[in-house]
Amino acid sequence: MCYNGRKTLQPNPGVGLMKLILAIIQDEDAPATIQTLVDRGYRVTRIASTGGFLRQGNTTLLIGVEDFRVPEVIEILRRCCRTRTSYLPVAVEATGLLQAHMIEVEVGGATIFVLDVERFETL
């Protein structure tokens, strides 16, 4: 578990506006992140996805929450999804020959979208 804050899931006394959080995270961070969210009472849908720049496997999480719970989910993602260094091969032409060089890039963390939900039902 990567977050041990106190549990805050309580009935919302307000209107209960819903948000959909789309979080794109690295595959390496997915198991601990999902487990932490589930342990804290959140429902999570996992979708396999592929990133554009490095074309590596990612995980996209769909998390439906009430508006007032968004900050806690973002904090869980912040603590569970770390950045790391990766190396990318790049072809460089030198003296008429192609040579491969490795460049260092930072990957990881999370890309998060928070969307308004017009309608939410549990069937």
Protein backbone atom coordinates (compact mmCIF):
# COMPACT_ATOMS: atom_id res chain seq x y z
CA MET A 1 0.00 0.00 0.00
CA CYS A 2 1.49 3.36 -0.98
CA TYR A 3 -0.81 5.69 0.97
CA ASN A 4 -1.71 5.40 4.62
CA GLY A 5 -3.73 8.54 5.18
CA ARG A 6 -6.89 8.35 7.21
CA LYS A 7 -10.02 7.07 5.52
CA THR A 8 -12.35 9.94 4.56
CA LEU A 9 -15.08 8.17 2.60
CA GLN A 10 -18.30 9.42 4.15
CA PRO A 11 -21.76 10.11 2.78
CA ASN A 12 -21.84 13.42 0.96
CA PRO A 13 -24.31 15.77 2.62
CA GLY A 14 -24.44 17.91 -0.55
CA VAL A 15 -25.82 17.39 -4.00
CA GLY A 16 -23.33 14.65 -4.89
CA LEU A 17 -21.88 16.03 -8.12
CA MET A 18 -19.85 13.30 -9.80
CA LYS A 19 -16.48 13.45 -11.53
CA LEU A 20 -14.70 10.92 -13.72
CA ILE A 21 -10.96 10.77 -13.18
CA LEU A 22 -8.91 9.37 -16.07
CA ALA A 23 -5.40 8.62 -14.89
CA ILE A 24 -2.72 7.35 -17.27
CA ILE A 25 0.02 5.68 -15.25
CA GLN A 26 2.96 3.36 -15.87
CA ASP A 27 2.26 -0.37 -15.77
CA GLU A 28 4.83 -0.72 -12.98
CA ASP A 29 2.79 1.58 -10.72
CA ALA A 30 -0.60 0.05 -11.49
CA PRO A 31 -0.83 -2.83 -8.95
CA ALA A 32 0.03 -0.72 -5.88
CA THR A 33 -2.05 2.21 -7.08
CA ILE A 34 -5.14 0.10 -7.75
CA GLN A 35 -4.78 -1.76 -4.45
CA THR A 36 -4.46 1.50 -2.53
CA LEU A 37 -7.53 2.98 -4.23
CA VAL A 38 -9.59 -0.18 -3.57
CA ASP A 39 -8.41 -0.32 0.06
CA ARG A 40 -9.62 3.28 0.46
CA GLY A 41 -13.07 2.36 -0.89
CA TYR A 42 -12.80 3.56 -4.48
CA ARG A 43 -13.97 1.55 -7.47
CA VAL A 44 -11.44 1.43 -10.28
CA THR A 45 -11.60 0.20 -13.88
CA ARG A 46 -8.25 -0.67 -15.46
CA ILE A 47 -7.66 -0.37 -19.22
CA ALA A 48 -4.42 -1.38 -20.92
CA SER A 49 -3.01 1.42 -23.10
CA THR A 50 0.18 2.30 -24.94
CA GLY A 51 2.08 5.56 -24.62
CA GLY A 52 3.04 7.62 -27.65
CA PHE A 53 6.61 8.82 -27.13
CA LEU A 54 8.29 5.63 -25.90
CA ARG A 55 5.51 3.29 -27.04
CA GLN A 56 5.58 1.50 -23.72
CA GLY A 57 2.67 -0.13 -21.97
CA ASN A 58 0.63 2.11 -19.72
CA THR A 59 -2.46 1.62 -17.64
CA THR A 60 -5.43 3.95 -17.87
CA LEU A 61 -7.57 4.06 -14.73
CA LEU A 62 -11.20 5.16 -14.73
CA ILE A 63 -12.32 6.30 -11.30
CA GLY A 64 -15.80 7.70 -10.69
CA VAL A 65 -16.00 9.81 -7.53
CA GLU A 66 -18.03 12.52 -5.90
CA ASP A 67 -16.62 16.00 -6.43
CA PHE A 68 -15.34 16.41 -2.86
CA ARG A 69 -13.27 13.18 -3.12
CA VAL A 70 -11.19 14.27 -6.13
CA PRO A 71 -8.33 15.77 -4.04
CA GLU A 72 -7.82 12.53 -2.10
CA VAL A 73 -7.68 10.44 -5.27
CA ILE A 74 -5.18 12.84 -6.82
CA GLU A 75 -3.05 12.65 -3.67
CA ILE A 76 -3.09 8.82 -3.82
CA LEU A 77 -1.99 8.99 -7.48
CA ARG A 78 0.73 11.49 -6.58
CA ARG A 79 2.14 9.18 -3.90
CA CYS A 80 1.84 5.91 -5.84
CA CYS A 81 2.96 6.98 -9.32
CA ARG A 82 6.62 7.88 -9.34
CA THR A 83 8.83 9.18 -12.10
CA ARG A 84 11.84 7.17 -13.22
CA THR A 85 14.69 7.46 -15.69
CA SER A 86 14.58 5.48 -18.93
CA TYR A 87 16.96 5.33 -21.87
CA LEU A 88 15.90 5.77 -25.48
CA PRO A 89 18.05 4.67 -28.42
CA VAL A 90 18.55 7.38 -31.03
CA ALA A 91 20.28 6.93 -34.38
CA VAL A 92 22.97 9.53 -35.09
CA GLU A 93 24.81 9.88 -38.39
CA ALA A 94 28.53 10.41 -37.96
CA THR A 95 31.11 10.17 -40.74
CA GLY A 96 28.57 8.53 -43.05
CA LEU A 97 27.69 5.76 -40.57
CA LEU A 98 24.60 5.43 -38.43
CA GLN A 99 25.41 4.93 -34.80
CA ALA A 100 22.99 4.32 -31.95
CA HIS A 101 23.25 6.53 -28.89
CA MET A 102 21.18 6.35 -25.76
CA ILE A 103 19.51 9.46 -24.39
CA GLU A 104 18.13 9.74 -20.89
CA VAL A 105 14.43 10.61 -20.53
CA GLU A 106 12.19 10.95 -17.51
CA VAL A 107 9.05 8.79 -17.62
CA GLY A 108 6.29 7.96 -15.22
CA GLY A 109 4.22 9.92 -12.82
CA ALA A 110 0.62 10.26 -13.87
CA THR A 111 -1.36 12.20 -16.45
CA ILE A 112 -4.73 13.02 -14.89
CA PHE A 113 -7.95 14.30 -16.43
CA VAL A 114 -10.94 15.22 -14.24
CA LEU A 115 -14.21 15.32 -16.16
CA ASP A 116 -17.72 16.37 -15.16
CA VAL A 117 -20.22 13.51 -15.21
CA GLU A 118 -23.70 14.39 -16.43
CA ARG A 119 -25.26 11.14 -15.25
CA PHE A 120 -24.07 8.32 -13.01
CA GLU A 121 -25.90 5.06 -12.27
CA THR A 122 -24.94 1.82 -10.59
CA LEU A 123 -27.01 -1.07 -11.96
